[in-house]
């Protein structure tokens, strides 16, 4: 009985100096590495797809430079052809009109653009 208890105490006092990930570490073939490549992995150890990466984070942290969203040919196709004095101007306002992304007040009453003083009315 005393021998069993002594064996259990000796087992509890035994110290390990290995890392917790020592079984994951092993010699790798160095020809698989790409020099200068940053490898992003999920918490499961799988590679992150390019489509699911946060582009703003990558650019702001300096890992990559921002890439073009459209090719030069697509951008040239968006520019109006002909004399610039006869064409519709390209600005942030015309793009907003094309997207129907305009801001306006709520259209209430007979004249939606009439003056209103509802916020600054005197208190009676």
N, C-alpha and C. Protein backbone atom coordinates (compact mmCIF):
# COMPACT_ATOMS: atom_id res chain seq x y z
N UNK A 1 0.82 -1.18 0.00
CA UNK A 1 0.00 0.00 0.00
C UNK A 1 0.87 1.25 0.00
N UNK A 2 1.89 1.25 0.82
CA UNK A 2 2.78 2.40 0.90
C UNK A 2 3.56 2.56 -0.41
N UNK A 3 3.91 1.43 -1.03
CA UNK A 3 4.63 1.49 -2.31
C UNK A 3 3.76 2.10 -3.40
N UNK A 4 2.48 1.75 -3.41
CA UNK A 4 1.55 2.28 -4.40
C UNK A 4 1.38 3.78 -4.22
N UNK A 5 1.27 4.21 -2.96
CA UNK A 5 1.12 5.63 -2.67
C UNK A 5 2.39 6.38 -3.05
N UNK A 6 3.54 5.81 -2.80
CA UNK A 6 4.81 6.44 -3.16
C UNK A 6 4.95 6.54 -4.68
N UNK A 7 4.48 5.53 -5.39
CA UNK A 7 4.54 5.56 -6.86
C UNK A 7 3.64 6.65 -7.43
N UNK A 8 2.46 6.84 -6.82
CA UNK A 8 1.54 7.88 -7.27
C UNK A 8 2.12 9.27 -7.00
N UNK A 9 2.75 9.46 -5.83
CA UNK A 9 3.36 10.74 -5.51
C UNK A 9 4.54 11.03 -6.43
N UNK A 10 5.32 10.01 -6.77
CA UNK A 10 6.45 10.19 -7.68
C UNK A 10 5.95 10.58 -9.07
N UNK A 11 4.82 10.01 -9.47
CA UNK A 11 4.25 10.35 -10.78
C UNK A 11 3.75 11.79 -10.79
N UNK A 12 3.17 12.27 -9.68
CA UNK A 12 2.70 13.66 -9.60
C UNK A 12 3.86 14.64 -9.60
N UNK A 13 4.99 14.26 -9.03
CA UNK A 13 6.15 15.15 -8.95
C UNK A 13 6.99 15.15 -10.22
N UNK A 14 6.68 14.26 -11.14
CA UNK A 14 7.46 14.18 -12.37
C UNK A 14 7.23 15.45 -13.19
N UNK A 15 8.33 16.01 -13.69
CA UNK A 15 8.25 17.28 -14.43
C UNK A 15 8.55 17.03 -15.91
N UNK A 16 7.80 17.74 -16.76
CA UNK A 16 7.99 17.64 -18.20
C UNK A 16 8.49 18.98 -18.72
N UNK A 17 9.50 18.95 -19.55
CA UNK A 17 10.06 20.18 -20.12
C UNK A 17 9.82 20.27 -21.62
N UNK A 18 8.83 19.57 -22.12
CA UNK A 18 8.49 19.63 -23.53
C UNK A 18 7.45 20.74 -23.75
N UNK A 19 7.38 21.21 -25.00
CA UNK A 19 6.35 22.19 -25.33
C UNK A 19 5.03 21.48 -25.53
N UNK A 20 3.96 22.22 -25.44
CA UNK A 20 2.65 21.61 -25.61
C UNK A 20 2.40 21.22 -27.05
N UNK A 21 3.12 21.83 -28.00
CA UNK A 21 2.93 21.51 -29.41
C UNK A 21 4.09 20.68 -29.96
N UNK A 22 4.81 20.00 -29.11
CA UNK A 22 5.99 19.27 -29.57
C UNK A 22 5.62 18.16 -30.56
N UNK A 23 4.45 17.58 -30.43
CA UNK A 23 4.09 16.53 -31.37
C UNK A 23 3.74 17.08 -32.74
N UNK A 24 3.42 18.41 -32.82
CA UNK A 24 3.11 19.01 -34.11
C UNK A 24 4.37 19.46 -34.85
N UNK A 25 5.45 19.63 -34.14
CA UNK A 25 6.67 20.11 -34.75
C UNK A 25 7.45 18.94 -35.33
N UNK A 26 7.81 19.07 -36.58
CA UNK A 26 8.62 18.04 -37.23
C UNK A 26 9.39 18.68 -38.37
N UNK A 27 10.38 18.00 -38.87
CA UNK A 27 11.20 18.54 -39.96
C UNK A 27 10.37 18.61 -41.24
N UNK A 28 10.45 19.75 -41.91
CA UNK A 28 9.71 19.96 -43.14
C UNK A 28 10.66 20.09 -44.32
N UNK A 29 10.15 19.80 -45.48
CA UNK A 29 10.92 19.97 -46.70
C UNK A 29 10.94 21.47 -47.03
N UNK A 30 12.12 22.06 -47.12
CA UNK A 30 12.23 23.50 -47.34
C UNK A 30 11.89 23.91 -48.75
N UNK A 31 11.77 22.97 -49.67
CA UNK A 31 11.41 23.34 -51.04
C UNK A 31 9.93 23.71 -51.14
N UNK A 32 9.12 23.40 -50.13
CA UNK A 32 7.70 23.74 -50.15
C UNK A 32 7.47 25.21 -49.80
N UNK A 33 8.43 25.85 -49.16
CA UNK A 33 8.26 27.24 -48.73
C UNK A 33 8.40 28.19 -49.92
N UNK A 34 7.58 29.22 -49.91
CA UNK A 34 7.69 30.28 -50.90
C UNK A 34 8.32 31.47 -50.19
N UNK A 35 9.43 31.94 -50.69
CA UNK A 35 10.16 33.02 -50.04
C UNK A 35 9.35 34.30 -50.15
N UNK A 36 9.17 35.00 -49.04
CA UNK A 36 8.47 36.27 -49.02
C UNK A 36 6.96 36.16 -49.00
N UNK A 37 6.42 34.99 -48.84
CA UNK A 37 4.97 34.80 -48.84
C UNK A 37 4.44 34.81 -47.42
N UNK A 38 3.39 35.55 -47.19
CA UNK A 38 2.74 35.53 -45.89
C UNK A 38 1.58 34.54 -45.96
N UNK A 39 1.57 33.61 -45.06
CA UNK A 39 0.54 32.58 -45.06
C UNK A 39 -0.42 32.88 -43.92
N UNK A 40 -1.67 33.10 -44.28
CA UNK A 40 -2.69 33.36 -43.28
C UNK A 40 -3.49 32.09 -43.09
N UNK A 41 -3.72 31.72 -41.82
CA UNK A 41 -4.45 30.51 -41.51
C UNK A 41 -5.56 30.83 -40.52
N UNK A 42 -6.60 30.03 -40.55
CA UNK A 42 -7.67 30.16 -39.58
C UNK A 42 -7.21 29.51 -38.27
N UNK A 43 -8.05 29.55 -37.26
CA UNK A 43 -7.71 28.93 -35.99
C UNK A 43 -7.64 27.42 -36.10
N UNK A 44 -8.25 26.86 -37.13
CA UNK A 44 -8.20 25.42 -37.35
C UNK A 44 -6.94 25.01 -38.09
N UNK A 45 -6.14 25.97 -38.57
CA UNK A 45 -4.92 25.67 -39.30
C UNK A 45 -5.11 25.54 -40.79
N UNK A 46 -6.30 25.89 -41.30
CA UNK A 46 -6.56 25.83 -42.73
C UNK A 46 -6.21 27.18 -43.36
N UNK A 47 -5.82 27.15 -44.63
CA UNK A 47 -5.47 28.39 -45.32
C UNK A 47 -6.72 29.24 -45.54
N UNK A 48 -6.55 30.56 -45.46
CA UNK A 48 -7.64 31.49 -45.66
C UNK A 48 -7.79 31.74 -47.15
N UNK A 49 -9.02 31.67 -47.66
CA UNK A 49 -9.27 31.92 -49.07
C UNK A 49 -9.07 33.41 -49.36
N UNK A 50 -8.65 33.73 -50.57
CA UNK A 50 -8.47 35.13 -50.96
C UNK A 50 -9.81 35.86 -50.97
N UNK A 51 -10.90 35.15 -51.26
CA UNK A 51 -12.20 35.81 -51.35
C UNK A 51 -12.76 36.18 -49.97
N UNK A 52 -12.31 35.52 -48.91
CA UNK A 52 -12.85 35.81 -47.58
C UNK A 52 -11.92 36.68 -46.75
N UNK A 53 -10.80 37.12 -47.31
CA UNK A 53 -9.88 37.96 -46.56
C UNK A 53 -10.43 39.37 -46.40
N UNK A 54 -10.06 40.01 -45.33
CA UNK A 54 -10.44 41.40 -45.09
C UNK A 54 -9.41 42.29 -45.78
N UNK A 55 -9.80 42.85 -46.92
CA UNK A 55 -8.85 43.60 -47.75
C UNK A 55 -8.35 44.85 -47.03
N UNK A 56 -9.23 45.54 -46.31
CA UNK A 56 -8.80 46.75 -45.61
C UNK A 56 -7.74 46.43 -44.56
N UNK A 57 -7.91 45.35 -43.82
CA UNK A 57 -6.93 44.97 -42.82
C UNK A 57 -5.59 44.63 -43.45
N UNK A 58 -5.62 43.91 -44.56
CA UNK A 58 -4.39 43.50 -45.22
C UNK A 58 -3.63 44.71 -45.73
N UNK A 59 -4.34 45.68 -46.31
CA UNK A 59 -3.68 46.87 -46.86
C UNK A 59 -3.17 47.76 -45.74
N UNK A 60 -3.99 47.97 -44.71
CA UNK A 60 -3.59 48.86 -43.62
C UNK A 60 -2.45 48.29 -42.79
N UNK A 61 -2.34 46.98 -42.71
CA UNK A 61 -1.24 46.38 -41.96
C UNK A 61 0.03 46.28 -42.80
N UNK A 62 -0.05 46.58 -44.10
CA UNK A 62 1.12 46.61 -44.95
C UNK A 62 1.51 45.26 -45.52
N UNK A 63 0.63 44.27 -45.47
CA UNK A 63 0.96 42.96 -46.02
C UNK A 63 0.94 42.98 -47.55
N UNK A 64 -0.06 43.63 -48.12
CA UNK A 64 -0.18 43.70 -49.58
C UNK A 64 -0.59 45.10 -49.96
N UNK A 65 -0.46 45.40 -51.26
CA UNK A 65 -0.98 46.65 -51.80
C UNK A 65 -2.36 46.38 -52.36
N UNK A 66 -3.17 47.42 -52.40
CA UNK A 66 -4.53 47.28 -52.91
C UNK A 66 -4.49 46.97 -54.40
N UNK A 67 -5.32 46.04 -54.82
CA UNK A 67 -5.36 45.66 -56.23
C UNK A 67 -6.52 46.37 -56.92
N UNK A 68 -6.45 46.46 -58.23
CA UNK A 68 -7.49 47.13 -59.01
C UNK A 68 -8.75 46.28 -59.03
N UNK A 69 -9.89 46.94 -58.91
CA UNK A 69 -11.17 46.23 -58.94
C UNK A 69 -11.64 45.96 -60.37
N UNK A 70 -11.20 46.80 -61.31
CA UNK A 70 -11.61 46.64 -62.71
C UNK A 70 -10.38 46.79 -63.60
N UNK A 71 -10.45 46.17 -64.76
CA UNK A 71 -9.34 46.27 -65.71
C UNK A 71 -9.37 47.62 -66.41
N UNK A 72 -8.29 47.96 -67.09
CA UNK A 72 -8.22 49.22 -67.81
C UNK A 72 -9.27 49.30 -68.91
N UNK A 73 -9.54 48.18 -69.59
CA UNK A 73 -10.54 48.18 -70.66
C UNK A 73 -11.94 48.47 -70.10
N UNK A 74 -12.27 47.90 -68.95
CA UNK A 74 -13.58 48.17 -68.34
C UNK A 74 -13.71 49.63 -67.94
N UNK A 75 -12.62 50.21 -67.41
CA UNK A 75 -12.66 51.61 -67.03
C UNK A 75 -12.80 52.52 -68.24
N UNK A 76 -12.12 52.19 -69.33
CA UNK A 76 -12.24 52.99 -70.55
C UNK A 76 -13.65 52.90 -71.13
N UNK A 77 -14.31 51.76 -70.97
CA UNK A 77 -15.67 51.61 -71.48
C UNK A 77 -16.66 52.48 -70.71
N UNK A 78 -16.37 52.78 -69.45
CA UNK A 78 -17.27 53.62 -68.65
C UNK A 78 -17.18 55.10 -69.00
N UNK A 79 -16.06 55.51 -69.60
CA UNK A 79 -15.87 56.92 -69.93
C UNK A 79 -16.71 57.26 -71.16
N UNK A 80 -17.47 58.35 -71.11
CA UNK A 80 -18.27 58.74 -72.29
C UNK A 80 -17.37 59.04 -73.48
N UNK A 81 -17.78 58.58 -74.66
CA UNK A 81 -17.02 58.80 -75.88
C UNK A 81 -17.47 60.09 -76.56
N UNK A 82 -16.56 60.74 -77.23
CA UNK A 82 -16.91 61.95 -77.97
C UNK A 82 -16.36 63.19 -77.29
N UNK A 83 -16.83 64.34 -77.75
CA UNK A 83 -16.38 65.63 -77.24
C UNK A 83 -16.86 65.80 -75.80
N UNK A 84 -15.98 66.21 -74.92
CA UNK A 84 -16.34 66.31 -73.51
C UNK A 84 -17.36 67.41 -73.24
N UNK A 85 -17.45 68.40 -74.14
CA UNK A 85 -18.43 69.47 -73.94
C UNK A 85 -19.84 69.03 -74.25
N UNK A 86 -19.98 67.94 -75.01
CA UNK A 86 -21.30 67.45 -75.40
C UNK A 86 -21.75 66.25 -74.55
N UNK A 87 -20.84 65.66 -73.80
CA UNK A 87 -21.16 64.46 -73.04
C UNK A 87 -21.56 64.82 -71.61
N UNK A 88 -22.18 63.87 -70.99
CA UNK A 88 -22.56 64.03 -69.59
C UNK A 88 -21.30 63.97 -68.73
N UNK A 89 -21.12 64.88 -67.77
CA UNK A 89 -19.89 64.87 -66.97
C UNK A 89 -19.85 63.66 -66.04
N UNK A 90 -18.64 63.22 -65.73
CA UNK A 90 -18.45 62.10 -64.81
C UNK A 90 -18.00 62.68 -63.48
N UNK A 91 -18.83 62.54 -62.48
CA UNK A 91 -18.50 63.04 -61.15
C UNK A 91 -19.16 62.13 -60.12
N UNK A 92 -18.91 62.42 -58.87
CA UNK A 92 -19.54 61.61 -57.82
C UNK A 92 -21.05 61.82 -57.81
N UNK A 93 -21.51 62.98 -58.29
CA UNK A 93 -22.94 63.26 -58.29
C UNK A 93 -23.65 62.51 -59.41
N UNK A 94 -23.03 62.45 -60.60
CA UNK A 94 -23.66 61.70 -61.69
C UNK A 94 -23.63 60.20 -61.40
N UNK A 95 -22.59 59.72 -60.74
CA UNK A 95 -22.56 58.30 -60.35
C UNK A 95 -23.66 58.01 -59.34
N UNK A 96 -23.90 58.95 -58.42
CA UNK A 96 -24.96 58.75 -57.44
C UNK A 96 -26.33 58.74 -58.12
N UNK A 97 -26.51 59.58 -59.16
CA UNK A 97 -27.77 59.56 -59.89
C UNK A 97 -27.96 58.25 -60.63
N UNK A 98 -26.89 57.72 -61.22
CA UNK A 98 -27.00 56.44 -61.93
C UNK A 98 -27.37 55.30 -60.98
N UNK A 99 -26.86 55.37 -59.77
CA UNK A 99 -27.17 54.33 -58.77
C UNK A 99 -28.47 54.60 -58.04
N UNK A 100 -29.09 55.75 -58.34
CA UNK A 100 -30.31 56.20 -57.64
C UNK A 100 -30.05 56.31 -56.15
N UNK A 101 -28.92 56.90 -55.84
CA UNK A 101 -28.48 57.06 -54.46
C UNK A 101 -28.49 58.56 -54.13
N UNK A 102 -29.67 59.17 -54.17
CA UNK A 102 -29.77 60.60 -53.91
C UNK A 102 -30.45 60.82 -52.58
N UNK A 103 -30.07 61.90 -51.95
CA UNK A 103 -30.63 62.25 -50.66
C UNK A 103 -31.67 63.34 -50.84
N UNK A 104 -32.80 63.21 -50.18
CA UNK A 104 -33.82 64.25 -50.24
C UNK A 104 -34.68 64.15 -49.00
N UNK A 105 -35.38 65.22 -48.74
CA UNK A 105 -36.26 65.23 -47.58
C UNK A 105 -37.53 64.44 -47.90
N UNK A 106 -38.26 64.13 -46.87
CA UNK A 106 -39.49 63.38 -47.06
C UNK A 106 -40.50 64.24 -47.80
N UNK A 107 -41.14 63.66 -48.79
CA UNK A 107 -42.11 64.42 -49.58
C UNK A 107 -43.47 64.34 -48.90
N UNK A 108 -43.80 65.38 -48.16
CA UNK A 108 -45.09 65.44 -47.48
C UNK A 108 -45.78 66.74 -47.84
N UNK A 109 -47.06 66.74 -47.91
CA UNK A 109 -47.80 67.96 -48.22
C UNK A 109 -47.86 68.25 -49.70
N UNK A 110 -48.51 69.37 -50.05
CA UNK A 110 -48.66 69.70 -51.47
C UNK A 110 -47.35 70.09 -52.14
N UNK A 111 -46.42 70.72 -51.39
CA UNK A 111 -45.14 71.12 -51.96
C UNK A 111 -44.02 70.52 -51.10
N UNK A 112 -43.40 69.43 -51.55
CA UNK A 112 -42.39 68.78 -50.72
C UNK A 112 -41.13 69.61 -50.54
N UNK A 113 -40.91 70.62 -51.38
CA UNK A 113 -39.70 71.43 -51.27
C UNK A 113 -39.96 72.77 -50.58
N UNK A 114 -41.11 72.94 -49.97
CA UNK A 114 -41.41 74.21 -49.31
C UNK A 114 -40.65 74.32 -47.99
N UNK A 115 -40.58 75.54 -47.50
CA UNK A 115 -39.86 75.81 -46.25
C UNK A 115 -40.66 75.27 -45.07
N UNK A 116 -39.96 74.69 -44.13
CA UNK A 116 -40.61 74.21 -42.93
C UNK A 116 -39.84 74.72 -41.72
N UNK A 117 -40.57 75.07 -40.70
CA UNK A 117 -39.91 75.54 -39.46
C UNK A 117 -40.40 74.70 -38.29
N UNK A 118 -40.65 73.45 -38.52
CA UNK A 118 -41.15 72.57 -37.47
C UNK A 118 -40.17 72.40 -36.32
N UNK A 119 -38.89 72.46 -36.60
CA UNK A 119 -37.90 72.27 -35.55
C UNK A 119 -37.70 73.54 -34.73
N UNK A 120 -37.87 74.70 -35.35
CA UNK A 120 -37.58 75.97 -34.66
C UNK A 120 -38.82 76.76 -34.33
N UNK A 121 -39.94 76.13 -34.21
CA UNK A 121 -41.18 76.85 -33.86
C UNK A 121 -41.10 77.36 -32.43
N UNK A 122 -41.67 78.57 -32.20
CA UNK A 122 -41.67 79.09 -30.82
C UNK A 122 -42.63 78.28 -29.94
N UNK A 123 -42.26 78.17 -28.67
CA UNK A 123 -43.09 77.45 -27.72
C UNK A 123 -44.14 78.39 -27.16
N UNK A 124 -45.40 77.97 -27.12
CA UNK A 124 -46.48 78.80 -26.58
C UNK A 124 -46.89 78.30 -25.23
